[in-house]
Amino acid sequence: MDDIFVVIGFAAGVLTTFAFLPQLLHTFKTKSVADLHVGTLVTFDIGLFLWLVYGIHLHSWPMILANAVTLCFQIPLLMLKLRYRNSNVTKSGTERF
């Protein structure tokens, strides 16, 4: 019976982790970070890190992998936000004059 919960944990981790991939790719492509709030990104990254530590403590591979991979997606998103926050690039990826 515990095996089904491990499968559910991995499925939940895959779905919630890869939900951020389109945002990361879109932001990298367009360099548009206007709609991303730095406070939200920082808070979320700290939360992911704490979930990762907790997962390591519990030896829970679904929790460890999901939060580690999501953190790997979110840190570049935060870096893009900090890098392009004063950019002259609009949401459509074109430059403002």
N, C-alpha and C. Protein backbone atom coordinates (compact mmCIF):
# COMPACT_ATOMS: atom_id res chain seq x y z
N MET A 1 0.82 -1.20 0.00
CA MET A 1 0.00 0.00 0.00
C MET A 1 0.85 1.26 0.00
N ASP A 2 2.02 1.22 0.65
CA ASP A 2 2.89 2.39 0.68
C ASP A 2 3.42 2.73 -0.71
N ASP A 3 3.57 1.73 -1.57
CA ASP A 3 4.09 1.97 -2.92
C ASP A 3 3.21 2.93 -3.70
N ILE A 4 1.90 2.84 -3.52
CA ILE A 4 0.98 3.72 -4.25
C ILE A 4 1.20 5.17 -3.82
N PHE A 5 1.52 5.38 -2.56
CA PHE A 5 1.75 6.75 -2.09
C PHE A 5 3.08 7.30 -2.60
N VAL A 6 4.05 6.44 -2.80
CA VAL A 6 5.31 6.87 -3.42
C VAL A 6 5.05 7.28 -4.86
N VAL A 7 4.24 6.50 -5.58
CA VAL A 7 3.88 6.84 -6.96
C VAL A 7 3.11 8.16 -7.00
N ILE A 8 2.17 8.32 -6.09
CA ILE A 8 1.41 9.58 -6.02
C ILE A 8 2.36 10.75 -5.72
N GLY A 9 3.31 10.54 -4.82
CA GLY A 9 4.27 11.60 -4.49
C GLY A 9 5.12 11.98 -5.69
N PHE A 10 5.61 10.99 -6.42
CA PHE A 10 6.40 11.29 -7.62
C PHE A 10 5.55 11.98 -8.69
N ALA A 11 4.31 11.53 -8.88
CA ALA A 11 3.42 12.15 -9.88
C ALA A 11 3.15 13.61 -9.52
N ALA A 12 2.87 13.86 -8.25
CA ALA A 12 2.63 15.24 -7.81
C ALA A 12 3.88 16.08 -8.00
N GLY A 13 5.02 15.53 -7.69
CA GLY A 13 6.28 16.25 -7.86
C GLY A 13 6.56 16.59 -9.31
N VAL A 14 6.33 15.64 -10.21
CA VAL A 14 6.57 15.88 -11.64
C VAL A 14 5.64 16.97 -12.15
N LEU A 15 4.37 16.88 -11.82
CA LEU A 15 3.40 17.87 -12.31
C LEU A 15 3.68 19.27 -11.78
N THR A 16 3.92 19.39 -10.48
CA THR A 16 4.14 20.72 -9.92
C THR A 16 5.50 21.28 -10.31
N THR A 17 6.48 20.42 -10.49
CA THR A 17 7.81 20.88 -10.89
C THR A 17 7.81 21.40 -12.31
N PHE A 18 7.29 20.63 -13.23
CA PHE A 18 7.33 21.03 -14.63
C PHE A 18 6.30 22.09 -14.99
N ALA A 19 5.44 22.45 -14.05
CA ALA A 19 4.52 23.57 -14.27
C ALA A 19 5.28 24.88 -14.42
N PHE A 20 6.48 24.97 -13.88
CA PHE A 20 7.27 26.20 -13.94
C PHE A 20 8.15 26.28 -15.18
N LEU A 21 8.34 25.19 -15.87
CA LEU A 21 9.22 25.18 -17.03
C LEU A 21 8.75 26.14 -18.14
N PRO A 22 7.46 26.17 -18.50
CA PRO A 22 7.04 27.14 -19.53
C PRO A 22 7.34 28.59 -19.16
N GLN A 23 7.17 28.95 -17.88
CA GLN A 23 7.47 30.32 -17.45
C GLN A 23 8.95 30.61 -17.58
N LEU A 24 9.77 29.67 -17.18
CA LEU A 24 11.22 29.86 -17.28
C LEU A 24 11.64 30.02 -18.74
N LEU A 25 11.16 29.16 -19.61
CA LEU A 25 11.52 29.24 -21.03
C LEU A 25 11.01 30.52 -21.67
N HIS A 26 9.78 30.91 -21.33
CA HIS A 26 9.21 32.15 -21.86
C HIS A 26 10.01 33.37 -21.40
N THR A 27 10.36 33.41 -20.14
CA THR A 27 11.13 34.53 -19.61
C THR A 27 12.51 34.59 -20.22
N PHE A 28 13.14 33.44 -20.38
CA PHE A 28 14.47 33.40 -21.00
C PHE A 28 14.41 33.88 -22.45
N LYS A 29 13.37 33.47 -23.16
CA LYS A 29 13.22 33.83 -24.57
C LYS A 29 12.91 35.32 -24.76
N THR A 30 11.96 35.84 -24.00
CA THR A 30 11.50 37.22 -24.21
C THR A 30 12.26 38.24 -23.39
N LYS A 31 12.95 37.80 -22.35
CA LYS A 31 13.64 38.70 -21.41
C LYS A 31 12.65 39.62 -20.71
N SER A 32 11.38 39.27 -20.74
CA SER A 32 10.34 40.07 -20.10
C SER A 32 10.05 39.52 -18.71
N VAL A 33 10.33 40.33 -17.70
CA VAL A 33 10.11 39.92 -16.32
C VAL A 33 9.17 40.86 -15.59
N ALA A 34 8.49 41.72 -16.34
CA ALA A 34 7.64 42.74 -15.74
C ALA A 34 6.55 42.15 -14.85
N ASP A 35 6.00 41.01 -15.21
CA ASP A 35 4.91 40.43 -14.45
C ASP A 35 5.36 39.53 -13.31
N LEU A 36 6.66 39.38 -13.13
CA LEU A 36 7.18 38.55 -12.04
C LEU A 36 7.54 39.44 -10.86
N HIS A 37 7.07 39.10 -9.68
CA HIS A 37 7.36 39.88 -8.48
C HIS A 37 8.54 39.25 -7.75
N VAL A 38 9.58 40.02 -7.51
CA VAL A 38 10.79 39.49 -6.89
C VAL A 38 10.51 38.93 -5.50
N GLY A 39 9.63 39.55 -4.75
CA GLY A 39 9.29 39.05 -3.41
C GLY A 39 8.65 37.67 -3.47
N THR A 40 7.80 37.46 -4.44
CA THR A 40 7.18 36.15 -4.61
C THR A 40 8.22 35.10 -4.96
N LEU A 41 9.12 35.44 -5.86
CA LEU A 41 10.15 34.50 -6.28
C LEU A 41 11.08 34.14 -5.12
N VAL A 42 11.50 35.14 -4.37
CA VAL A 42 12.40 34.89 -3.23
C VAL A 42 11.71 34.04 -2.17
N THR A 43 10.47 34.39 -1.83
CA THR A 43 9.73 33.63 -0.82
C THR A 43 9.53 32.18 -1.27
N PHE A 44 9.17 32.01 -2.54
CA PHE A 44 8.95 30.67 -3.06
C PHE A 44 10.25 29.86 -3.06
N ASP A 45 11.36 30.48 -3.45
CA ASP A 45 12.65 29.78 -3.45
C ASP A 45 13.07 29.36 -2.05
N ILE A 46 12.85 30.22 -1.07
CA ILE A 46 13.17 29.87 0.32
C ILE A 46 12.30 28.69 0.76
N GLY A 47 11.01 28.75 0.42
CA GLY A 47 10.11 27.66 0.75
C GLY A 47 10.55 26.35 0.11
N LEU A 48 10.95 26.39 -1.16
CA LEU A 48 11.44 25.19 -1.84
C LEU A 48 12.67 24.62 -1.14
N PHE A 49 13.57 25.51 -0.76
CA PHE A 49 14.78 25.07 -0.07
C PHE A 49 14.44 24.38 1.25
N LEU A 50 13.50 24.97 1.99
CA LEU A 50 13.11 24.38 3.27
C LEU A 50 12.40 23.03 3.08
N TRP A 51 11.55 22.92 2.04
CA TRP A 51 10.93 21.63 1.72
C TRP A 51 11.99 20.61 1.34
N LEU A 52 13.02 21.05 0.62
CA LEU A 52 14.11 20.15 0.25
C LEU A 52 14.83 19.63 1.49
N VAL A 53 15.14 20.52 2.41
CA VAL A 53 15.80 20.12 3.65
C VAL A 53 14.92 19.13 4.43
N TYR A 54 13.64 19.44 4.50
CA TYR A 54 12.70 18.57 5.20
C TYR A 54 12.63 17.20 4.52
N GLY A 55 12.59 17.17 3.19
CA GLY A 55 12.57 15.92 2.45
C GLY A 55 13.82 15.09 2.69
N ILE A 56 14.96 15.77 2.75
CA ILE A 56 16.22 15.07 3.05
C ILE A 56 16.16 14.47 4.45
N HIS A 57 15.64 15.24 5.39
CA HIS A 57 15.51 14.74 6.77
C HIS A 57 14.62 13.49 6.82
N LEU A 58 13.54 13.48 6.04
CA LEU A 58 12.61 12.35 6.04
C LEU A 58 13.06 11.22 5.11
N HIS A 59 14.11 11.45 4.34
CA HIS A 59 14.56 10.49 3.32
C HIS A 59 13.44 10.20 2.32
N SER A 60 12.71 11.25 1.95
CA SER A 60 11.57 11.13 1.03
C SER A 60 12.02 11.52 -0.37
N TRP A 61 12.29 10.53 -1.21
CA TRP A 61 12.79 10.82 -2.56
C TRP A 61 11.82 11.65 -3.40
N PRO A 62 10.50 11.41 -3.34
CA PRO A 62 9.61 12.28 -4.11
C PRO A 62 9.75 13.75 -3.69
N MET A 63 9.83 13.99 -2.39
CA MET A 63 9.95 15.36 -1.89
C MET A 63 11.31 15.96 -2.25
N ILE A 64 12.35 15.17 -2.14
CA ILE A 64 13.70 15.65 -2.44
C ILE A 64 13.83 16.01 -3.91
N LEU A 65 13.44 15.09 -4.79
CA LEU A 65 13.60 15.33 -6.23
C LEU A 65 12.73 16.47 -6.73
N ALA A 66 11.46 16.48 -6.31
CA ALA A 66 10.55 17.52 -6.77
C ALA A 66 11.04 18.91 -6.37
N ASN A 67 11.44 19.06 -5.13
CA ASN A 67 11.86 20.38 -4.67
C ASN A 67 13.23 20.76 -5.20
N ALA A 68 14.12 19.81 -5.37
CA ALA A 68 15.44 20.12 -5.94
C ALA A 68 15.32 20.57 -7.39
N VAL A 69 14.52 19.86 -8.18
CA VAL A 69 14.37 20.23 -9.60
C VAL A 69 13.63 21.56 -9.72
N THR A 70 12.56 21.74 -8.93
CA THR A 70 11.83 23.01 -8.99
C THR A 70 12.73 24.17 -8.59
N LEU A 71 13.55 23.97 -7.59
CA LEU A 71 14.51 25.01 -7.18
C LEU A 71 15.48 25.31 -8.31
N CYS A 72 15.88 24.30 -9.05
CA CYS A 72 16.77 24.51 -10.21
C CYS A 72 16.09 25.30 -11.31
N PHE A 73 14.77 25.24 -11.41
CA PHE A 73 14.02 26.06 -12.36
C PHE A 73 13.81 27.48 -11.83
N GLN A 74 13.54 27.57 -10.54
CA GLN A 74 13.19 28.86 -9.95
C GLN A 74 14.37 29.78 -9.75
N ILE A 75 15.53 29.27 -9.42
CA ILE A 75 16.70 30.13 -9.22
C ILE A 75 17.06 30.87 -10.50
N PRO A 76 17.10 30.21 -11.67
CA PRO A 76 17.36 30.98 -12.90
C PRO A 76 16.26 32.01 -13.18
N LEU A 77 15.01 31.69 -12.83
CA LEU A 77 13.93 32.65 -13.03
C LEU A 77 14.16 33.89 -12.17
N LEU A 78 14.57 33.69 -10.93
CA LEU A 78 14.90 34.82 -10.05
C LEU A 78 16.09 35.60 -10.60
N MET A 79 17.09 34.90 -11.10
CA MET A 79 18.26 35.58 -11.67
C MET A 79 17.86 36.40 -12.90
N LEU A 80 16.97 35.85 -13.75
CA LEU A 80 16.49 36.60 -14.91
C LEU A 80 15.71 37.83 -14.46
N LYS A 81 14.91 37.69 -13.42
CA LYS A 81 14.15 38.83 -12.90
C LYS A 81 15.10 39.93 -12.43
N LEU A 82 16.13 39.55 -11.70
CA LEU A 82 17.07 40.55 -11.20
C LEU A 82 17.89 41.17 -12.34
N ARG A 83 18.21 40.37 -13.34
CA ARG A 83 19.01 40.87 -14.45
C ARG A 83 18.23 41.79 -15.38
N TYR A 84 16.97 41.46 -15.67
CA TYR A 84 16.21 42.20 -16.67
C TYR A 84 15.12 43.09 -16.08
N ARG A 85 15.11 43.31 -14.78
CA ARG A 85 14.03 44.10 -14.19
C ARG A 85 14.00 45.55 -14.67
N ASN A 86 15.13 46.10 -15.07
CA ASN A 86 15.16 47.47 -15.57
C ASN A 86 15.36 47.51 -17.08
N SER A 87 15.07 46.40 -17.73
CA SER A 87 15.28 46.28 -19.16
C SER A 87 14.25 47.08 -19.95
N ASN A 88 14.60 47.42 -21.15
CA ASN A 88 13.69 48.11 -22.05
C ASN A 88 12.97 47.13 -22.97
N VAL A 89 12.73 45.92 -22.48
CA VAL A 89 12.04 44.92 -23.27
C VAL A 89 10.60 44.81 -22.79
N THR A 90 9.65 44.85 -23.73
CA THR A 90 8.25 44.73 -23.39
C THR A 90 7.86 43.27 -23.26
N LYS A 91 6.60 43.03 -22.90
CA LYS A 91 6.10 41.66 -22.75
C LYS A 91 6.20 40.87 -24.05
N SER A 92 6.07 41.53 -25.17
CA SER A 92 6.10 40.82 -26.45
C SER A 92 7.52 40.51 -26.90
N GLY A 93 8.50 40.98 -26.16
CA GLY A 93 9.90 40.71 -26.51
C GLY A 93 10.51 41.77 -27.40
N THR A 94 9.76 42.83 -27.70
CA THR A 94 10.30 43.90 -28.51
C THR A 94 10.87 44.99 -27.62
N GLU A 95 11.79 45.73 -28.15
CA GLU A 95 12.44 46.76 -27.35
C GLU A 95 11.62 48.06 -27.38
N ARG A 96 11.52 48.72 -26.19
CA ARG A 96 10.86 50.02 -26.09
C ARG A 96 11.83 51.11 -26.47
N PHE A 97 11.28 52.17 -27.02
CA PHE A 97 12.11 53.34 -27.38
C PHE A 97 11.77 54.52 -26.55
